[in-house]
Amino acid sequence: MSLTCVALGLDHRHIYGMTQNMERAGVPCLGYWTEGTPETLAGFQKRFPDMRRFDSLDAALDAGADLALISAIPADRAALAISAMQHGMDVMTDKPGCTTPDQLAQIKECVAQTGRIWSVNFSERFETPVSTLASEMVAQGAIGKVVQTVGLGPHRLNRATRPDWFFQRDRFGGILTDIGSHQIDQFLHYTGSDRGQITRAFTASYANPDIDDFGEINLQSAHATGYIRVDWFTPDALPTWGDGRLTILGTEGYLELRKYVDVGGSDGTDHLIYVNGTRCERIDASGAGLPYFTRLAADIADRTETAMTQAHCFTVMELALRAQLLADGT
């Protein structure tokens, strides 16, 4: 079965990786539609110089693609996803896949009615080979039973290049809904939890009064706990956008994922620290691959759930939205 995709909304740079990785998985992009001229448009056109731009959203929806890639303004992603599913397409959306509980309820209803796949590309797991290797090692029992994760998601603000919607709370969705969702995904995945409970959520504006620039989440499942910290404080001297890390604690050892940089250590990305009863080492995980994209292509063709279960995707966004509302005091 030959699959194709279309891109709907280019408002976040994650659309670059989403499109490139699906094309590498054998799912070419027929073209794209986006509102106006977002700052990311030039970069997309540079990467895909021969790709068609549809004149309208309707033209893109009617192009006959199997999959819609959505990276529009966060508050607009749910409506685009629903339209795509109603046109017979499965959906891969940038995180956050939605910004309100009502939007999530509408997405769930549409999935139930259409039988389509709604998948959120949690890129801090799906686009980092070190996360792939960590998943394999956890599944093999390399550190025993996982009992806790600590996820750190620092980001660079890049204020000068941020679009207006980034500073509009109702359009952006909030720091916990947005980058906090990555960490919730990892907690559920690595602890093998089907559900979780937010026990504490906190946000603050320490240096940027027009946004929440710091956030924390404590959460737990029936057999594990997690701590999450996200922020917009990455200093300019760091050679990448953030020193993202994840520590996975097991009963027989631990893993630390240094995803994007190892300050004072080895060059490159995708460093995996592995310690258990017999081993204490650093592993170069850069060649571990990114199976999410090929698995999603197979799921579209076979109507399976190998890339990520629909229940997991829903649960991540439910918890992220719940954490944001708790931190907001609503």
C-alpha atoms as a PDB file:
ATOM      1  CA  MET A   1       0.000   0.000   0.000  1.00  0.00           C
ATOM      2  CA  SER A   2       1.431   3.349  -1.064  1.00  0.00           C
ATOM      3  CA  LEU A   3       0.752   6.072   1.498  1.00  0.00           C
ATOM      4  CA  THR A   4       0.936   9.857   1.159  1.00  0.00           C
ATOM      5  CA  CYS A   5       0.591  12.829   3.497  1.00  0.00           C
ATOM      6  CA  VAL A   6      -0.156  16.555   3.465  1.00  0.00           C
ATOM      7  CA  ALA A   7       1.078  19.257   5.855  1.00  0.00           C
ATOM      8  CA  LEU A   8      -1.530  21.535   7.437  1.00  0.00           C
ATOM      9  CA  GLY A   9      -0.103  24.552   9.224  1.00  0.00           C
ATOM     10  CA  LEU A  10       3.595  25.417   9.408  1.00  0.00           C
ATOM     11  CA  ASP A  11       3.577  27.569  12.539  1.00  0.00           C
ATOM     12  CA  HIS A  12       6.135  25.518  14.474  1.00  0.00           C
ATOM     13  CA  ARG A  13       9.513  24.203  13.324  1.00  0.00           C
ATOM     14  CA  HIS A  14       8.580  20.671  14.345  1.00  0.00           C
ATOM     15  CA  ILE A  15       6.857  20.397  10.958  1.00  0.00           C
ATOM     16  CA  TYR A  16      10.332  20.066   9.410  1.00  0.00           C
ATOM     17  CA  GLY A  17      11.142  16.849  11.247  1.00  0.00           C
ATOM     18  CA  MET A  18       7.606  15.506  10.963  1.00  0.00           C
ATOM     19  CA  THR A  19       7.664  15.850   7.181  1.00  0.00           C
ATOM     20  CA  GLN A  20      11.243  14.650   6.702  1.00  0.00           C
ATOM     21  CA  ASN A  21      10.810  11.600   8.905  1.00  0.00           C
ATOM     22  CA  MET A  22       7.569  10.512   7.247  1.00  0.00           C
ATOM     23  CA  GLU A  23       9.174  10.873   3.828  1.00  0.00           C
ATOM     24  CA  ARG A  24      12.087   8.728   5.058  1.00  0.00           C
ATOM     25  CA  ALA A  25       9.478   6.196   6.205  1.00  0.00           C
ATOM     26  CA  GLY A  26       8.184   6.016   2.634  1.00  0.00           C
ATOM     27  CA  VAL A  27       5.253   8.422   2.998  1.00  0.00           C
ATOM     28  CA  PRO A  28       5.823  11.341   0.578  1.00  0.00           C
ATOM     29  CA  CYS A  29       4.161  14.700   1.154  1.00  0.00           C
ATOM     30  CA  LEU A  30       1.806  15.833  -1.622  1.00  0.00           C
ATOM     31  CA  GLY A  31       1.964  19.459  -0.547  1.00  0.00           C
ATOM     32  CA  TYR A  32       1.194  21.887   2.229  1.00  0.00           C
ATOM     33  CA  TRP A  33      -1.262  24.552   3.286  1.00  0.00           C
ATOM     34  CA  THR A  34      -0.610  27.223   5.865  1.00  0.00           C
ATOM     35  CA  GLU A  35      -2.243  30.464   6.929  1.00  0.00           C
ATOM     36  CA  GLY A  36      -0.293  33.524   5.751  1.00  0.00           C
ATOM     37  CA  THR A  37       3.498  33.611   5.967  1.00  0.00           C
ATOM     38  CA  PRO A  38       4.664  32.226   9.327  1.00  0.00           C
ATOM     39  CA  GLU A  39       8.326  32.666  10.248  1.00  0.00           C
ATOM     40  CA  THR A  40       8.868  28.944   9.664  1.00  0.00           C
ATOM     41  CA  LEU A  41       7.664  29.044   6.052  1.00  0.00           C
ATOM     42  CA  ALA A  42      11.046  29.989   4.574  1.00  0.00           C
ATOM     43  CA  GLY A  43      12.763  27.108   6.337  1.00  0.00           C
ATOM     44  CA  PHE A  44      10.138  24.667   5.110  1.00  0.00           C
ATOM     45  CA  GLN A  45      10.462  25.876   1.517  1.00  0.00           C
ATOM     46  CA  LYS A  46      14.258  25.603   1.743  1.00  0.00           C
ATOM     47  CA  ARG A  47      14.003  21.984   2.883  1.00  0.00           C
ATOM     48  CA  PHE A  48      11.271  21.088   0.391  1.00  0.00           C
ATOM     49  CA  PRO A  49      11.816  23.476  -2.567  1.00  0.00           C
ATOM     50  CA  ASP A  50       9.666  21.564  -5.030  1.00  0.00           C
ATOM     51  CA  MET A  51       6.703  20.928  -2.768  1.00  0.00           C
ATOM     52  CA  ARG A  52       3.326  22.248  -3.828  1.00  0.00           C
ATOM     53  CA  ARG A  53       1.524  24.878  -1.769  1.00  0.00           C
ATOM     54  CA  PHE A  54      -2.222  24.343  -1.854  1.00  0.00           C
ATOM     55  CA  ASP A  55      -4.308  27.430  -2.534  1.00  0.00           C
ATOM     56  CA  SER A  56      -6.772  26.612   0.247  1.00  0.00           C
ATOM     57  CA  LEU A  57      -7.335  24.321   3.195  1.00  0.00           C
ATOM     58  CA  ASP A  58     -10.155  22.612   1.285  1.00  0.00           C
ATOM     59  CA  ALA A  59      -7.780  21.804  -1.567  1.00  0.00           C
ATOM     60  CA  ALA A  60      -5.319  20.232   0.872  1.00  0.00           C
ATOM     61  CA  LEU A  61      -8.058  18.234   2.597  1.00  0.00           C
ATOM     62  CA  ASP A  62      -9.314  16.960  -0.768  1.00  0.00           C
ATOM     63  CA  ALA A  63      -5.879  15.953  -2.084  1.00  0.00           C
ATOM     64  CA  GLY A  64      -6.475  12.289  -1.273  1.00  0.00           C
ATOM     65  CA  ALA A  65      -3.693  11.874   1.296  1.00  0.00           C
ATOM     66  CA  ASP A  66      -3.723   9.188   3.973  1.00  0.00           C
ATOM     67  CA  LEU A  67      -2.109  11.262   6.730  1.00  0.00           C
ATOM     68  CA  ALA A  68      -2.288  14.901   7.813  1.00  0.00           C
ATOM     69  CA  LEU A  69       0.765  16.441   9.496  1.00  0.00           C
ATOM     70  CA  ILE A  70      -0.357  19.361  11.654  1.00  0.00           C
ATOM     71  CA  SER A  71       1.888  22.007  13.188  1.00  0.00           C
ATOM     72  CA  ALA A  72      -0.420  25.010  13.177  1.00  0.00           C
ATOM     73  CA  ILE A  73      -0.888  27.447  16.062  1.00  0.00           C
ATOM     74  CA  PRO A  74      -1.600  25.161  19.055  1.00  0.00           C
ATOM     75  CA  ALA A  75      -5.160  26.398  19.622  1.00  0.00           C
ATOM     76  CA  ASP A  76      -6.000  25.632  15.966  1.00  0.00           C
ATOM     77  CA  ARG A  77      -4.638  22.086  15.852  1.00  0.00           C
ATOM     78  CA  ALA A  78      -7.735  20.324  17.182  1.00  0.00           C
ATOM     79  CA  ALA A  79     -10.068  21.795  14.561  1.00  0.00           C
ATOM     80  CA  LEU A  80      -7.638  20.932  11.752  1.00  0.00           C
ATOM     81  CA  ALA A  81      -7.240  17.392  13.079  1.00  0.00           C
ATOM     82  CA  ILE A  82     -10.993  16.904  13.216  1.00  0.00           C
ATOM     83  CA  SER A  83     -11.402  18.205   9.662  1.00  0.00           C
ATOM     84  CA  ALA A  84      -8.652  15.876   8.450  1.00  0.00           C
ATOM     85  CA  MET A  85     -10.195  12.851  10.166  1.00  0.00           C
ATOM     86  CA  GLN A  86     -13.600  13.703   8.739  1.00  0.00           C
ATOM     87  CA  HIS A  87     -11.948  13.691   5.308  1.00  0.00           C
ATOM     88  CA  GLY A  88     -10.688  10.149   5.879  1.00  0.00           C
ATOM     89  CA  MET A  89      -7.142  10.933   6.993  1.00  0.00           C
ATOM     90  CA  ASP A  90      -5.205   9.811  10.007  1.00  0.00           C
ATOM     91  CA  VAL A  91      -3.405  12.570  11.890  1.00  0.00           C
ATOM     92  CA  MET A  92       0.044  13.230  13.286  1.00  0.00           C
ATOM     93  CA  THR A  93      -0.029  16.520  15.148  1.00  0.00           C
ATOM     94  CA  ASP A  94       2.705  18.503  16.821  1.00  0.00           C
ATOM     95  CA  LYS A  95       2.500  18.767  20.584  1.00  0.00           C
ATOM     96  CA  PRO A  96       0.334  19.928  22.218  1.00  0.00           C
ATOM     97  CA  GLY A  97      -2.320  18.233  20.145  1.00  0.00           C
ATOM     98  CA  CYS A  98      -4.945  20.474  21.733  1.00  0.00           C
ATOM     99  CA  THR A  99      -5.144  23.273  24.283  1.00  0.00           C
ATOM    100  CA  THR A 100      -8.420  22.744  26.177  1.00  0.00           C
ATOM    101  CA  PRO A 101     -10.361  19.802  27.657  1.00  0.00           C
ATOM    102  CA  ASP A 102     -13.276  20.647  25.343  1.00  0.00           C
ATOM    103  CA  GLN A 103     -11.025  20.305  22.302  1.00  0.00           C
ATOM    104  CA  LEU A 104      -9.787  16.937  23.548  1.00  0.00           C
ATOM    105  CA  ALA A 105     -13.367  15.766  24.073  1.00  0.00           C
ATOM    106  CA  GLN A 106     -14.214  16.729  20.486  1.00  0.00           C
ATOM    107  CA  ILE A 107     -11.145  14.868  19.188  1.00  0.00           C
ATOM    108  CA  LYS A 108     -12.106  11.741  21.151  1.00  0.00           C
ATOM    109  CA  GLU A 109     -15.616  11.881  19.716  1.00  0.00           C
ATOM    110  CA  CYS A 110     -14.263  12.243  16.191  1.00  0.00           C
ATOM    111  CA  VAL A 111     -11.856   9.321  16.632  1.00  0.00           C
ATOM    112  CA  ALA A 112     -14.727   7.173  17.900  1.00  0.00           C
ATOM    113  CA  GLN A 113     -16.938   8.156  14.963  1.00  0.00           C
ATOM    114  CA  THR A 114     -14.364   7.888  12.183  1.00  0.00           C
ATOM    115  CA  GLY A 115     -11.992   5.182  13.389  1.00  0.00           C
ATOM    116  CA  ARG A 116      -9.056   7.410  12.458  1.00  0.00           C
ATOM    117  CA  ILE A 117      -5.697   7.589  14.262  1.00  0.00           C
ATOM    118  CA  TRP A 118      -4.903  10.778  16.214  1.00  0.00           C
ATOM    119  CA  SER A 119      -1.222  10.692  17.110  1.00  0.00           C
ATOM    120  CA  VAL A 120       0.769  13.441  18.826  1.00  0.00           C
ATOM    121  CA  ASN A 121       4.435  13.579  17.849  1.00  0.00           C
ATOM    122  CA  PHE A 122       6.096  13.766  21.259  1.00  0.00           C
ATOM    123  CA  SER A 123       9.402  14.614  19.612  1.00  0.00           C
ATOM    124  CA  GLU A 124      11.502  14.556  22.795  1.00  0.00           C
ATOM    125  CA  ARG A 125      10.946  10.782  22.722  1.00  0.00           C
ATOM    126  CA  PHE A 126      10.106  10.017  19.104  1.00  0.00           C
ATOM    127  CA  GLU A 127      12.868  12.107  17.510  1.00  0.00           C
ATOM    128  CA  THR A 128      15.770  11.179  19.805  1.00  0.00           C
ATOM    129  CA  PRO A 129      17.579   7.870  19.173  1.00  0.00           C
ATOM    130  CA  VAL A 130      18.700   7.726  22.811  1.00  0.00           C
ATOM    131  CA  SER A 131      15.048   7.377  23.795  1.00  0.00           C
ATOM    132  CA  THR A 132      14.736   4.416  21.436  1.00  0.00           C
ATOM    133  CA  LEU A 133      17.665   2.608  23.054  1.00  0.00           C
ATOM    134  CA  ALA A 134      16.389   3.433  26.547  1.00  0.00           C
ATOM    135  CA  SER A 135      12.995   1.938  25.637  1.00  0.00           C
ATOM    136  CA  GLU A 136      14.655  -1.271  24.481  1.00  0.00           C
ATOM    137  CA  MET A 137      16.784  -1.544  27.612  1.00  0.00           C
ATOM    138  CA  VAL A 138      13.879  -0.892  29.966  1.00  0.00           C
ATOM    139  CA  ALA A 139      11.813  -3.536  28.132  1.00  0.00           C
ATOM    140  CA  GLN A 140      14.698  -6.010  28.532  1.00  0.00           C
ATOM    141  CA  GLY A 141      14.815  -5.408  32.299  1.00  0.00           C
ATOM    142  CA  ALA A 142      18.255  -3.770  32.231  1.00  0.00           C
ATOM    143  CA  ILE A 143      17.495  -1.696  35.351  1.00  0.00           C
ATOM    144  CA  GLY A 144      14.822  -3.835  36.953  1.00  0.00           C
ATOM    145  CA  LYS A 145      11.380  -2.434  37.640  1.00  0.00           C
ATOM    146  CA  VAL A 146      11.080   1.279  36.867  1.00  0.00           C
ATOM    147  CA  VAL A 147       9.824   3.196  39.898  1.00  0.00           C
ATOM    148  CA  GLN A 148      10.503   6.855  39.032  1.00  0.00           C
ATOM    149  CA  THR A 149      11.381   9.278  36.252  1.00  0.00           C
ATOM    150  CA  VAL A 150      12.834  12.771  36.521  1.00  0.00           C
ATOM    151  CA  GLY A 151      12.333  14.766  33.330  1.00  0.00           C
ATOM    152  CA  LEU A 152      14.046  18.105  32.702  1.00  0.00           C
ATOM    153  CA  GLY A 153      12.882  20.101  29.693  1.00  0.00           C
ATOM    154  CA  PRO A 154      14.706  23.448  29.508  1.00  0.00           C
ATOM    155  CA  HIS A 155      14.128  25.488  26.347  1.00  0.00           C
ATOM    156  CA  ARG A 156      15.621  28.642  24.865  1.00  0.00           C
ATOM    157  CA  LEU A 157      13.102  31.465  24.677  1.00  0.00           C
ATOM    158  CA  ASN A 158      14.402  33.105  21.471  1.00  0.00           C
ATOM    159  CA  ARG A 159      12.087  36.020  22.155  1.00  0.00           C
ATOM    160  CA  ALA A 160      13.029  37.981  19.051  1.00  0.00           C
ATOM    161  CA  THR A 161      11.834  35.236  16.711  1.00  0.00           C
ATOM    162  CA  ARG A 162       8.758  34.099  18.611  1.00  0.00           C
ATOM    163  CA  PRO A 163       5.452  34.862  16.878  1.00  0.00           C
ATOM    164  CA  ASP A 164       2.745  36.905  18.598  1.00  0.00           C
ATOM    165  CA  TRP A 165       0.626  33.826  19.352  1.00  0.00           C
ATOM    166  CA  PHE A 166       3.385  32.414  21.562  1.00  0.00           C
ATOM    167  CA  PHE A 167       2.693  35.187  24.082  1.00  0.00           C
ATOM    168  CA  GLN A 168      -1.107  34.749  23.939  1.00  0.00           C
ATOM    169  CA  ARG A 169      -2.102  32.232  26.598  1.00  0.00           C
ATOM    170  CA  ASP A 170      -5.308  31.135  24.864  1.00  0.00           C
ATOM    171  CA  ARG A 171      -3.450  30.507  21.589  1.00  0.00           C
ATOM    172  CA  PHE A 172      -0.335  28.859  23.015  1.00  0.00           C
ATOM    173  CA  GLY A 173      -1.941  26.705  25.702  1.00  0.00           C
ATOM    174  CA  GLY A 174       0.549  27.205  28.527  1.00  0.00           C
ATOM    175  CA  ILE A 175       3.959  25.819  29.406  1.00  0.00           C
ATOM    176  CA  LEU A 176       2.644  22.624  31.046  1.00  0.00           C
ATOM    177  CA  THR A 177       0.206  21.857  28.240  1.00  0.00           C
ATOM    178  CA  ASP A 178       2.940  22.430  25.689  1.00  0.00           C
ATOM    179  CA  ILE A 179       6.419  21.283  26.691  1.00  0.00           C
ATOM    180  CA  GLY A 180       5.158  19.546  29.831  1.00  0.00           C
ATOM    181  CA  SER A 181       3.314  17.029  27.648  1.00  0.00           C
ATOM    182  CA  HIS A 182       6.659  15.634  26.421  1.00  0.00           C
ATOM    183  CA  GLN A 183       7.655  14.752  29.950  1.00  0.00           C
ATOM    184  CA  ILE A 184       4.277  13.234  30.855  1.00  0.00           C
ATOM    185  CA  ASP A 185       4.534  11.027  27.777  1.00  0.00           C
ATOM    186  CA  GLN A 186       7.923   9.785  28.940  1.00  0.00           C
ATOM    187  CA  PHE A 187       6.749   9.134  32.483  1.00  0.00           C
ATOM    188  CA  LEU A 188       3.852   6.965  31.320  1.00  0.00           C
ATOM    189  CA  HIS A 189       5.931   5.183  28.689  1.00  0.00           C
ATOM    190  CA  TYR A 190       9.001   4.293  30.729  1.00  0.00           C
ATOM    191  CA  THR A 191       7.099   3.377  33.888  1.00  0.00           C
ATOM    192  CA  GLY A 192       4.638   1.255  31.902  1.00  0.00           C
ATOM    193  CA  SER A 193       1.682   3.183  33.334  1.00  0.00           C
ATOM    194  CA  ASP A 194      -1.724   3.230  31.669  1.00  0.00           C
ATOM    195  CA  ARG A 195      -2.874   6.193  33.708  1.00  0.00           C
ATOM    196  CA  GLY A 196      -1.583   8.720  36.199  1.00  0.00           C
ATOM    197  CA  GLN A 197      -2.513  11.352  38.721  1.00  0.00           C
ATOM    198  CA  ILE A 198      -1.222  14.906  38.933  1.00  0.00           C
ATOM    199  CA  THR A 199      -0.361  15.493  42.589  1.00  0.00           C
ATOM    200  CA  ARG A 200       1.137  18.965  42.177  1.00  0.00           C
ATOM    201  CA  ALA A 201       1.460  21.493  39.379  1.00  0.00           C
ATOM    202  CA  PHE A 202       3.102  24.907  39.521  1.00  0.00           C
ATOM    203  CA  THR A 203       3.976  27.682  37.088  1.00  0.00           C
ATOM    204  CA  ALA A 204       5.679  31.039  37.517  1.00  0.00           C
ATOM    205  CA  SER A 205       6.823  34.106  35.586  1.00  0.00           C
ATOM    206  CA  TYR A 206      10.274  34.721  37.025  1.00  0.00           C
ATOM    207  CA  ALA A 207      11.873  36.797  34.268  1.00  0.00           C
ATOM    208  CA  ASN A 208       9.237  37.211  31.553  1.00  0.00           C
ATOM    209  CA  PRO A 209       6.016  38.828  32.802  1.00  0.00           C
ATOM    210  CA  ASP A 210       4.104  38.108  29.583  1.00  0.00           C
ATOM    211  CA  ILE A 211       4.476  34.304  29.854  1.00  0.00           C
ATOM    212  CA  ASP A 212       4.929  31.553  32.408  1.00  0.00           C
ATOM    213  CA  ASP A 213       8.629  30.786  32.014  1.00  0.00           C
ATOM    214  CA  PHE A 214       8.913  28.027  34.647  1.00  0.00           C
ATOM    215  CA  GLY A 215       6.806  24.990  35.468  1.00  0.00           C
ATOM    216  CA  GLU A 216       6.847  21.886  37.673  1.00  0.00           C
ATOM    217  CA  ILE A 217       4.705  18.771  37.823  1.00  0.00           C
ATOM    218  CA  ASN A 218       4.637  15.920  40.324  1.00  0.00           C
ATOM    219  CA  LEU A 219       2.669  12.885  39.223  1.00  0.00           C
ATOM    220  CA  GLN A 220       2.221   9.239  40.099  1.00  0.00           C
ATOM    221  CA  SER A 221       0.718   6.005  38.896  1.00  0.00           C
ATOM    222  CA  ALA A 222      -0.152   2.842  40.783  1.00  0.00           C
ATOM    223  CA  HIS A 223       3.505   1.783  40.899  1.00  0.00           C
ATOM    224  CA  ALA A 224       5.710   4.801  40.051  1.00  0.00           C
ATOM    225  CA  THR A 225       6.227   8.496  40.647  1.00  0.00           C
ATOM    226  CA  GLY A 226       7.592  11.294  38.496  1.00  0.00           C
ATOM    227  CA  TYR A 227       8.983  14.809  38.730  1.00  0.00           C
ATOM    228  CA  ILE A 228       8.995  17.232  35.791  1.00  0.00           C
ATOM    229  CA  ARG A 229      10.647  20.619  35.382  1.00  0.00           C
ATOM    230  CA  VAL A 230      10.253  22.764  32.280  1.00  0.00           C
ATOM    231  CA  ASP A 231      11.465  26.303  31.642  1.00  0.00           C
ATOM    232  CA  TRP A 232      12.422  28.959  29.091  1.00  0.00           C
ATOM    233  CA  PHE A 233      15.817  29.777  30.641  1.00  0.00           C
ATOM    234  CA  THR A 234      18.375  28.058  28.378  1.00  0.00           C
ATOM    235  CA  PRO A 235      21.412  30.397  28.352  1.00  0.00           C
ATOM    236  CA  ASP A 236      22.801  31.707  25.066  1.00  0.00           C
ATOM    237  CA  ALA A 237      26.172  29.974  25.472  1.00  0.00           C
ATOM    238  CA  LEU A 238      24.634  26.492  25.265  1.00  0.00           C
ATOM    239  CA  PRO A 239      25.186  25.226  21.684  1.00  0.00           C
ATOM    240  CA  THR A 240      21.637  23.923  21.343  1.00  0.00           C
ATOM    241  CA  TRP A 241      18.117  24.938  22.349  1.00  0.00           C
ATOM    242  CA  GLY A 242      18.078  23.020  25.626  1.00  0.00           C
ATOM    243  CA  ASP A 243      19.940  20.544  27.806  1.00  0.00           C
ATOM    244  CA  GLY A 244      17.078  18.059  27.881  1.00  0.00           C
ATOM    245  CA  ARG A 245      17.603  15.151  30.265  1.00  0.00           C
ATOM    246  CA  LEU A 246      15.653  12.220  31.606  1.00  0.00           C
ATOM    247  CA  THR A 247      16.611   9.950  34.498  1.00  0.00           C
ATOM    248  CA  ILE A 248      14.862   6.581  34.727  1.00  0.00           C
ATOM    249  CA  LEU A 249      15.264   4.919  38.111  1.00  0.00           C
ATOM    250  CA  GLY A 250      14.829   1.176  38.413  1.00  0.00           C
ATOM    251  CA  THR A 251      15.099  -1.263  41.287  1.00  0.00           C
ATOM    252  CA  GLU A 252      18.367  -2.612  39.836  1.00  0.00           C
ATOM    253  CA  GLY A 253      19.968   0.452  38.274  1.00  0.00           C
ATOM    254  CA  TYR A 254      19.296   3.659  36.404  1.00  0.00           C
ATOM    255  CA  LEU A 255      19.522   5.290  32.991  1.00  0.00           C
ATOM    256  CA  GLU A 256      20.191   8.951  32.305  1.00  0.00           C
ATOM    257  CA  LEU A 257      19.421  10.298  28.854  1.00  0.00           C
ATOM    258  CA  ARG A 258      21.434  13.373  27.864  1.00  0.00           C
ATOM    259  CA  LYS A 259      19.618  13.965  24.640  1.00  0.00           C
ATOM    260  CA  TYR A 260      20.962  17.060  22.938  1.00  0.00           C
ATOM    261  CA  VAL A 261      24.283  17.948  24.575  1.00  0.00           C
ATOM    262  CA  ASP A 262      26.691  16.654  27.213  1.00  0.00           C
ATOM    263  CA  VAL A 263      28.268  19.736  28.750  1.00  0.00           C
ATOM    264  CA  GLY A 264      31.878  19.031  29.712  1.00  0.00           C
ATOM    265  CA  GLY A 265      31.633  15.488  28.395  1.00  0.00           C
ATOM    266  CA  SER A 266      31.421  13.809  24.989  1.00  0.00           C
ATOM    267  CA  ASP A 267      30.623  15.634  21.773  1.00  0.00           C
ATOM    268  CA  GLY A 268      27.422  15.098  19.834  1.00  0.00           C
ATOM    269  CA  THR A 269      23.962  14.092  20.951  1.00  0.00           C
ATOM    270  CA  ASP A 270      22.135  11.032  22.318  1.00  0.00           C
ATOM    271  CA  HIS A 271      24.300  10.095  25.275  1.00  0.00           C
ATOM    272  CA  LEU A 272      22.989   7.281  27.481  1.00  0.00           C
ATOM    273  CA  ILE A 273      24.414   6.785  30.986  1.00  0.00           C
ATOM    274  CA  TYR A 274      23.856   3.213  32.181  1.00  0.00           C
ATOM    275  CA  VAL A 275      24.513   2.015  35.719  1.00  0.00           C
ATOM    276  CA  ASN A 276      23.466  -1.290  37.289  1.00  0.00           C
ATOM    277  CA  GLY A 277      25.055  -4.016  39.395  1.00  0.00           C
ATOM    278  CA  THR A 278      27.699  -4.958  36.823  1.00  0.00           C
ATOM    279  CA  ARG A 279      27.972  -2.036  34.418  1.00  0.00           C
ATOM    280  CA  CYS A 280      28.724   1.690  34.750  1.00  0.00           C
ATOM    281  CA  GLU A 281      29.194   3.281  31.347  1.00  0.00           C
ATOM    282  CA  ARG A 282      28.311   5.892  28.764  1.00  0.00           C
ATOM    283  CA  ILE A 283      26.729   4.587  25.552  1.00  0.00           C
ATOM    284  CA  ASP A 284      26.589   6.401  22.212  1.00  0.00           C
ATOM    285  CA  ALA A 285      22.937   5.891  21.264  1.00  0.00           C
ATOM    286  CA  SER A 286      22.942   8.070  18.149  1.00  0.00           C
ATOM    287  CA  GLY A 287      22.457   5.085  15.860  1.00  0.00           C
ATOM    288  CA  ALA A 288      19.453   3.576  17.640  1.00  0.00           C
ATOM    289  CA  GLY A 289      16.936   4.864  15.083  1.00  0.00           C
ATOM    290  CA  LEU A 290      13.525   6.530  15.178  1.00  0.00           C
ATOM    291  CA  PRO A 291      10.937   3.742  14.804  1.00  0.00           C
ATOM    292  CA  TYR A 292       7.872   5.879  15.571  1.00  0.00           C
ATOM    293  CA  PHE A 293       7.558   7.059  11.977  1.00  0.00           C
ATOM    294  CA  THR A 294       7.820   3.687  10.238  1.00  0.00           C
ATOM    295  CA  ARG A 295       5.532   2.175  12.855  1.00  0.00           C
ATOM    296  CA  LEU A 296       2.951   4.898  12.308  1.00  0.00           C
ATOM    297  CA  ALA A 297       3.060   4.241   8.563  1.00  0.00           C
ATOM    298  CA  ALA A 298       2.460   0.543   9.277  1.00  0.00           C
ATOM    299  CA  ASP A 299      -0.382   1.415  11.658  1.00  0.00           C
ATOM    300  CA  ILE A 300      -2.064   3.497   8.957  1.00  0.00           C
ATOM    301  CA  ALA A 301      -1.807   0.615   6.485  1.00  0.00           C
ATOM    302  CA  ASP A 302      -2.690  -2.198   8.902  1.00  0.00           C
ATOM    303  CA  ARG A 303      -4.974  -0.340  11.386  1.00  0.00           C
ATOM    304  CA  THR A 304      -2.752  -1.344  14.305  1.00  0.00           C
ATOM    305  CA  GLU A 305      -1.272   0.531  17.298  1.00  0.00           C
ATOM    306  CA  THR A 306       2.453  -0.181  17.233  1.00  0.00           C
ATOM    307  CA  ALA A 307       3.749   3.423  17.218  1.00  0.00           C
ATOM    308  CA  MET A 308       1.680   4.514  20.221  1.00  0.00           C
ATOM    309  CA  THR A 309      -1.690   3.396  21.492  1.00  0.00           C
ATOM    310  CA  GLN A 310      -4.562   5.797  21.111  1.00  0.00           C
ATOM    311  CA  ALA A 311      -5.306   5.437  24.811  1.00  0.00           C
ATOM    312  CA  HIS A 312      -1.768   6.515  25.716  1.00  0.00           C
ATOM    313  CA  CYS A 313      -1.978   9.568  23.478  1.00  0.00           C
ATOM    314  CA  PHE A 314      -5.284  10.625  25.014  1.00  0.00           C
ATOM    315  CA  THR A 315      -4.000  10.061  28.551  1.00  0.00           C
ATOM    316  CA  VAL A 316      -0.898  12.191  28.018  1.00  0.00           C
ATOM    317  CA  MET A 317      -2.938  15.143  26.826  1.00  0.00           C
ATOM    318  CA  GLU A 318      -5.545  14.677  29.572  1.00  0.00           C
ATOM    319  CA  LEU A 319      -2.827  14.854  32.223  1.00  0.00           C
ATOM    320  CA  ALA A 320      -1.060  17.800  30.599  1.00  0.00           C
ATOM    321  CA  LEU A 321      -4.284  19.783  30.432  1.00  0.00           C
ATOM    322  CA  ARG A 322      -5.137  18.814  34.005  1.00  0.00           C
ATOM    323  CA  ALA A 323      -1.718  19.937  35.220  1.00  0.00           C
ATOM    324  CA  GLN A 324      -2.061  23.285  33.459  1.00  0.00           C
ATOM    325  CA  LEU A 325      -5.509  23.902  34.924  1.00  0.00           C
ATOM    326  CA  LEU A 326      -4.275  22.945  38.395  1.00  0.00           C
ATOM    327  CA  ALA A 327      -1.351  25.337  38.129  1.00  0.00           C
ATOM    328  CA  ASP A 328      -3.702  28.058  36.880  1.00  0.00           C
ATOM    329  CA  GLY A 329      -5.930  27.515  39.912  1.00  0.00           C
ATOM    330  CA  THR A 330      -8.962  26.539  37.818  1.00  0.00           C
END
